[in-house]
Amino acid sequence: DTCGSIRNPSSENSLWGLRGTIGLSSRDGIVPLAHSQDIGGPLARTVNDLLLMLDATVGFDPADPITRDSQSHIPRTYNGSVGDAGLDDVTIGILRPLFGSAPEDAEVARIVRDAVEEIRTLGAGVVDVPYDGLDELLRDTSVINAEFKFDLQGFLARFPSAPMHSLGDILASGKYHQAVEGVLKRANDVASADSESYRTSLSKREQARAAILSLMNERNITAFAYPTLRRKPAVIGQPQNGSNCQLSATTRFPAMSMPAGFTSDGLPVGMDLLGQPWSEPTLLRVAYAYERAVAPRKPPTTTPPLAAR
């Protein structure tokens, strides 16, 4: 998940997907898109499955030094950390700007608000957060275009016998999907790994991170809630609009996409819960309580009957 690759497919497939705090799990072996935003994480049909996957994949890896930061933040087991405690100590902030205001956003917004109300019935507090300056705060904070070319080259250098050694080689080969041609060419045109625009984006990112953390502390907000995608899933061949991936990618705070419900024509809708750094156990506790109370996931209508063993 550099900006949505765990949470967006989770939303569109009625799955639970966690983008953790940067450093929670190793990035070693992952083809990089942007090293300072990349992190792997689990997608699962149930919270319990997700907990098991976390226990198997988190922790310190000498091949990725940033994982050293995680060592004092990981419980003995995630599977044993959710418990049966209530949510009286949890406050959910409805981050209004990320719900959208276009007519196409209305159904998803309603479904996500209804999901937050379900969490309220479990004991959590809920507050409305307008935050009119959020769009400007996040503007120009993505570093994907600035980092990709150089991160990919460093990764490919580990494989001298590979047929490709750079993004330029990939473009010259023509062996890529036409849909990403523009993205690849723009990244390949970046001349320096330390440009002024890159440094500006990094600075703006730290400002955004500090502002969001300050807001959460001032309002005593445990997690922000908002649609993972403001629009319902697009049909095959059409672009998917309305991604809210940037807030977690910019702040590098953990975000959990949870099944929130279904549109009137039966399409899944996901809700992100974004917490403070290393708050994964709390996000998972909320998710576990919500799943047990609501059972929001349904298998696709095309799923055949499966015999239990």
Protein backbone atom coordinates (compact mmCIF):
# COMPACT_ATOMS: atom_id res chain seq x y z
CA ASP A 1 0.00 0.00 0.00
CA THR A 2 1.74 3.12 -1.28
CA CYS A 3 -1.58 4.90 -1.56
CA GLY A 4 -4.51 2.51 -1.47
CA SER A 5 -3.30 -0.86 -2.77
CA ILE A 6 -4.40 -2.69 0.38
CA ARG A 7 -7.41 -0.61 1.31
CA ASN A 8 -9.01 0.02 -2.08
CA PRO A 9 -9.27 -3.67 -3.09
CA SER A 10 -10.44 -4.45 0.44
CA SER A 11 -13.23 -1.91 0.02
CA GLU A 12 -14.31 -3.30 -3.34
CA ASN A 13 -14.28 -6.92 -2.17
CA SER A 14 -15.85 -6.57 1.28
CA LEU A 15 -12.58 -7.46 3.02
CA TRP A 16 -10.66 -6.27 6.06
CA GLY A 17 -7.37 -4.66 5.03
CA LEU A 18 -4.73 -3.01 7.21
CA ARG A 19 -2.12 -0.50 6.13
CA GLY A 20 0.03 -0.38 9.26
CA THR A 21 2.32 2.28 10.65
CA ILE A 22 5.46 2.54 8.50
CA GLY A 23 7.94 0.17 10.16
CA LEU A 24 5.38 -2.36 11.40
CA SER A 25 6.42 -4.95 8.83
CA SER A 26 9.38 -5.36 6.50
CA ARG A 27 9.41 -3.97 2.98
CA ASP A 28 12.33 -6.18 1.97
CA GLY A 29 11.52 -8.01 -1.26
CA ILE A 30 8.65 -5.71 -2.24
CA VAL A 31 9.15 -3.98 -5.59
CA PRO A 32 9.17 -0.34 -4.45
CA LEU A 33 6.91 2.40 -5.70
CA ALA A 34 7.98 4.96 -3.10
CA HIS A 35 10.11 3.75 -0.20
CA SER A 36 8.85 6.36 2.25
CA GLN A 37 5.18 5.47 1.62
CA ASP A 38 5.36 1.72 0.88
CA ILE A 39 4.24 -0.92 3.36
CA GLY A 40 2.84 -4.42 2.99
CA GLY A 41 -0.11 -5.67 4.99
CA PRO A 42 -2.88 -8.26 5.17
CA LEU A 43 -6.26 -8.45 3.42
CA ALA A 44 -8.62 -10.99 4.97
CA ARG A 45 -12.21 -12.20 5.01
CA THR A 46 -12.41 -11.97 8.81
CA VAL A 47 -10.71 -9.96 11.52
CA ASN A 48 -9.45 -13.18 13.08
CA ASP A 49 -7.71 -14.15 9.83
CA LEU A 50 -6.18 -10.68 9.66
CA LEU A 51 -4.87 -11.01 13.23
CA LEU A 52 -3.23 -14.32 12.40
CA MET A 53 -1.58 -12.83 9.32
CA LEU A 54 -0.26 -9.90 11.36
CA ASP A 55 1.29 -12.21 13.92
CA ALA A 56 3.11 -13.97 11.08
CA THR A 57 4.41 -10.88 9.28
CA VAL A 58 5.23 -8.02 11.69
CA GLY A 59 8.45 -7.30 13.55
CA PHE A 60 12.10 -6.40 13.15
CA ASP A 61 13.92 -7.39 9.96
CA PRO A 62 17.62 -6.46 9.65
CA ALA A 63 17.05 -6.11 5.90
CA ASP A 64 14.68 -3.19 6.56
CA PRO A 65 16.13 -1.05 9.39
CA ILE A 66 12.97 1.05 9.78
CA THR A 67 11.28 -1.99 11.33
CA ARG A 68 13.47 -1.45 14.41
CA ASP A 69 10.95 1.24 15.38
CA SER A 70 8.24 -1.40 15.79
CA GLN A 71 9.89 -3.44 18.51
CA SER A 72 8.33 -1.68 21.50
CA HIS A 73 4.90 -1.37 19.88
CA ILE A 74 3.95 -4.94 18.93
CA PRO A 75 1.86 -6.97 21.42
CA ARG A 76 2.84 -10.51 22.28
CA THR A 77 0.16 -11.59 19.82
CA TYR A 78 -2.36 -9.50 17.95
CA ASN A 79 -4.70 -12.47 18.06
CA GLY A 80 -4.73 -12.25 21.85
CA SER A 81 -4.93 -8.47 22.10
CA VAL A 82 -8.48 -7.69 20.96
CA GLY A 83 -10.32 -9.27 23.89
CA ASP A 84 -13.92 -8.61 24.86
CA ALA A 85 -13.46 -5.09 26.24
CA GLY A 86 -16.02 -2.48 25.25
CA LEU A 87 -15.37 0.65 23.26
CA ASP A 88 -16.15 3.21 25.97
CA ASP A 89 -12.60 4.59 25.71
CA VAL A 90 -12.86 5.09 21.92
CA THR A 91 -13.87 8.29 20.13
CA ILE A 92 -14.48 8.18 16.38
CA GLY A 93 -14.10 11.40 14.41
CA ILE A 94 -16.23 11.64 11.27
CA LEU A 95 -13.79 13.41 8.93
CA ARG A 96 -16.37 15.27 6.91
CA PRO A 97 -14.24 16.52 3.94
CA LEU A 98 -13.43 12.93 2.91
CA PHE A 99 -17.10 12.01 2.51
CA GLY A 100 -17.44 14.09 -0.64
CA SER A 101 -20.24 16.41 -1.67
CA ALA A 102 -21.11 15.31 -5.23
CA PRO A 103 -24.38 13.46 -5.89
CA GLU A 104 -22.32 10.38 -6.79
CA ASP A 105 -20.85 10.37 -3.27
CA ALA A 106 -24.15 10.36 -1.39
CA GLU A 107 -24.93 6.64 -1.17
CA VAL A 108 -21.45 5.63 -0.02
CA ALA A 109 -21.42 8.49 2.52
CA ARG A 110 -24.74 7.31 3.99
CA ILE A 111 -23.54 3.71 4.28
CA VAL A 112 -20.34 4.73 6.06
CA ARG A 113 -22.19 7.04 8.45
CA ASP A 114 -24.54 4.18 9.27
CA ALA A 115 -21.52 1.97 10.02
CA VAL A 116 -20.15 4.61 12.39
CA GLU A 117 -23.53 4.66 14.14
CA GLU A 118 -23.22 0.90 14.66
CA ILE A 119 -19.87 1.52 16.36
CA ARG A 120 -21.54 4.17 18.52
CA THR A 121 -24.03 1.57 19.77
CA LEU A 122 -21.05 -0.49 20.99
CA GLY A 123 -20.07 2.29 23.38
CA ALA A 124 -17.79 4.51 21.31
CA GLY A 125 -18.14 8.26 21.23
CA VAL A 126 -18.63 9.95 17.85
CA VAL A 127 -17.76 13.54 16.94
CA ASP A 128 -18.12 15.44 13.68
CA VAL A 129 -14.92 17.02 12.30
CA PRO A 130 -15.45 19.56 9.47
CA TYR A 131 -11.73 20.48 8.84
CA ASP A 132 -12.18 22.78 5.85
CA GLY A 133 -8.40 23.06 5.23
CA LEU A 134 -7.76 19.35 4.73
CA ASP A 135 -7.50 19.41 0.92
CA GLU A 136 -4.90 22.17 1.05
CA LEU A 137 -3.03 20.39 3.85
CA LEU A 138 -2.61 17.25 1.71
CA ARG A 139 -1.88 19.04 -1.56
CA ASP A 140 1.50 18.16 -3.13
CA THR A 141 2.44 15.75 -0.33
CA SER A 142 2.74 12.62 -2.48
CA VAL A 143 6.32 11.58 -3.26
CA ILE A 144 5.56 8.63 -5.55
CA ASN A 145 6.62 10.43 -8.72
CA ALA A 146 9.82 11.67 -7.07
CA GLU A 147 10.95 8.36 -5.55
CA PHE A 148 9.79 5.64 -7.95
CA LYS A 149 12.49 5.83 -10.64
CA PHE A 150 15.36 5.78 -8.16
CA ASP A 151 13.84 3.24 -5.77
CA LEU A 152 13.15 0.85 -8.64
CA GLN A 153 16.69 1.21 -9.96
CA GLY A 154 18.09 0.40 -6.52
CA PHE A 155 15.86 -2.65 -6.25
CA LEU A 156 16.79 -3.97 -9.71
CA ALA A 157 20.49 -3.53 -8.93
CA ARG A 158 20.11 -6.46 -6.52
CA PHE A 159 19.40 -8.70 -9.51
CA PRO A 160 22.23 -8.17 -12.03
CA SER A 161 21.02 -10.98 -14.29
CA ALA A 162 17.52 -9.51 -14.59
CA PRO A 163 16.54 -8.43 -18.13
CA MET A 164 15.62 -4.92 -16.91
CA HIS A 165 17.85 -2.60 -14.89
CA SER A 166 15.87 0.63 -14.81
CA LEU A 167 12.52 2.24 -15.45
CA GLY A 168 13.99 3.48 -18.73
CA ASP A 169 14.65 -0.12 -19.77
CA ILE A 170 11.05 -1.05 -19.03
CA LEU A 171 9.75 1.85 -21.10
CA ALA A 172 12.09 0.99 -23.97
CA SER A 173 10.86 -2.62 -23.93
CA GLY A 174 7.21 -1.64 -24.31
CA LYS A 175 6.33 -4.45 -21.86
CA TYR A 176 3.90 -2.58 -19.66
CA HIS A 177 0.17 -1.93 -19.58
CA GLN A 178 -0.87 1.04 -21.65
CA ALA A 179 -2.93 2.40 -18.75
CA VAL A 180 0.24 3.17 -16.76
CA GLU A 181 2.32 4.59 -19.61
CA GLY A 182 1.82 8.21 -18.56
CA VAL A 183 2.71 7.46 -14.94
CA LEU A 184 5.88 5.62 -15.95
CA LYS A 185 7.01 8.34 -18.34
CA ARG A 186 6.47 11.12 -15.81
CA ALA A 187 8.47 9.23 -13.21
CA ASN A 188 11.26 8.51 -15.67
CA ASP A 189 11.52 12.21 -16.53
CA VAL A 190 12.50 13.08 -12.94
CA ALA A 191 16.15 14.15 -13.17
CA SER A 192 17.26 14.13 -9.53
CA ALA A 193 16.56 12.11 -6.40
CA ASP A 194 16.99 15.29 -4.34
CA SER A 195 15.07 17.95 -6.22
CA GLU A 196 13.69 21.09 -4.62
CA SER A 197 10.12 19.95 -5.32
CA TYR A 198 10.83 16.64 -3.57
CA ARG A 199 12.20 18.40 -0.50
CA THR A 200 9.14 20.66 -0.51
CA SER A 201 6.81 17.65 -0.60
CA LEU A 202 8.66 16.02 2.30
CA SER A 203 8.39 19.23 4.31
CA LYS A 204 4.67 19.57 3.56
CA ARG A 205 4.18 15.93 4.51
CA GLU A 206 5.70 16.51 7.95
CA GLN A 207 3.53 19.59 8.42
CA ALA A 208 0.44 17.55 7.54
CA ARG A 209 1.46 14.76 9.88
CA ALA A 210 1.93 17.20 12.76
CA ALA A 211 -1.38 18.95 12.05
CA ILE A 212 -3.41 15.72 11.97
CA LEU A 213 -1.76 14.43 15.15
CA SER A 214 -2.42 17.74 16.90
CA LEU A 215 -6.08 17.69 15.85
CA MET A 216 -6.54 14.14 17.11
CA ASN A 217 -4.99 15.02 20.46
CA GLU A 218 -6.96 18.26 20.83
CA ARG A 219 -10.29 16.55 20.12
CA ASN A 220 -9.34 13.32 21.93
CA ILE A 221 -10.01 11.37 18.73
CA THR A 222 -9.02 7.71 18.71
CA ALA A 223 -9.57 7.25 14.98
CA PHE A 224 -10.95 9.16 12.03
CA ALA A 225 -13.66 7.44 9.98
CA TYR A 226 -14.28 8.11 6.30
CA PRO A 227 -15.07 6.15 3.11
CA THR A 228 -12.14 4.19 1.73
CA LEU A 229 -13.55 5.13 -1.68
CA ARG A 230 -16.14 7.90 -1.97
CA ARG A 231 -17.69 6.30 -5.06
CA LYS A 232 -19.10 2.82 -5.46
CA PRO A 233 -16.98 0.30 -7.42
CA ALA A 234 -16.58 1.15 -11.10
CA VAL A 235 -17.39 -1.35 -13.82
CA ILE A 236 -14.46 -3.16 -15.46
CA GLY A 237 -12.67 -0.91 -17.91
CA GLN A 238 -13.71 2.33 -16.23
CA PRO A 239 -11.52 4.37 -13.83
CA GLN A 240 -12.22 4.16 -10.11
CA ASN A 241 -12.70 7.67 -8.77
CA GLY A 242 -12.96 8.92 -5.22
CA SER A 243 -9.98 7.33 -3.46
CA ASN A 244 -9.21 8.66 0.03
CA CYS A 245 -5.85 6.89 0.21
CA GLN A 246 -3.73 10.02 0.65
CA LEU A 247 -4.35 10.80 4.33
CA SER A 248 -2.72 7.62 5.61
CA ALA A 249 -0.03 7.67 2.90
CA THR A 250 0.95 11.25 3.76
CA THR A 251 0.89 10.95 7.55
CA ARG A 252 2.09 7.33 7.52
CA PHE A 253 -0.48 6.65 10.25
CA PRO A 254 -2.18 3.23 10.27
CA ALA A 255 -5.51 2.85 8.48
CA MET A 256 -7.88 -0.10 8.48
CA SER A 257 -10.43 -0.61 5.70
CA MET A 258 -13.52 -2.36 7.03
CA PRO A 259 -16.67 -3.63 5.28
CA ALA A 260 -19.31 -0.96 5.88
CA GLY A 261 -22.22 -2.30 3.85
CA PHE A 262 -23.56 -2.57 0.32
CA THR A 263 -25.06 -0.20 -2.22
CA SER A 264 -28.63 -0.60 -3.45
CA ASP A 265 -27.30 -2.67 -6.36
CA GLY A 266 -25.28 -4.95 -4.08
CA LEU A 267 -21.76 -3.50 -4.41
CA PRO A 268 -19.43 -3.46 -1.38
CA VAL A 269 -18.52 -0.24 0.43
CA GLY A 270 -15.49 0.10 2.72
CA MET A 271 -14.78 2.44 5.61
CA ASP A 272 -11.30 3.53 6.70
CA LEU A 273 -10.43 3.96 10.36
CA LEU A 274 -7.22 5.98 10.68
CA GLY A 275 -5.45 6.03 14.04
CA GLN A 276 -2.33 7.51 15.55
CA PRO A 277 1.07 5.83 15.02
CA TRP A 278 1.25 2.31 16.46
CA SER A 279 -2.44 2.27 17.37
CA GLU A 280 -3.08 -0.94 15.42
CA PRO A 281 -4.25 -2.87 18.52
CA THR A 282 -6.96 -0.27 19.14
CA LEU A 283 -8.08 -0.19 15.50
CA LEU A 284 -8.25 -3.98 15.55
CA ARG A 285 -10.25 -3.97 18.78
CA VAL A 286 -12.81 -1.66 17.17
CA ALA A 287 -12.89 -3.82 14.04
CA TYR A 288 -13.32 -7.03 16.06
CA ALA A 289 -16.18 -5.62 18.14
CA TYR A 290 -17.89 -4.22 15.04
CA GLU A 291 -17.56 -7.51 13.15
CA ARG A 292 -19.00 -9.53 16.01
CA ALA A 293 -21.96 -7.17 16.40
CA VAL A 294 -22.79 -6.51 12.75
CA ALA A 295 -21.23 -9.30 10.63
CA PRO A 296 -20.96 -6.81 7.74
CA ARG A 297 -19.28 -9.04 5.19
CA LYS A 298 -21.24 -11.09 2.67
CA PRO A 299 -19.67 -13.47 0.15
CA PRO A 300 -20.13 -12.56 -3.52
CA THR A 301 -23.36 -13.78 -5.08
CA THR A 302 -21.25 -15.91 -7.43
CA THR A 303 -19.70 -17.88 -4.54
CA PRO A 304 -20.94 -21.49 -4.67
CA PRO A 305 -21.99 -23.32 -1.49
CA LEU A 306 -18.87 -24.45 0.36
CA ALA A 307 -18.93 -27.59 2.46
CA ALA A 308 -17.52 -27.11 5.98
CA ARG A 309 -14.98 -29.55 7.36
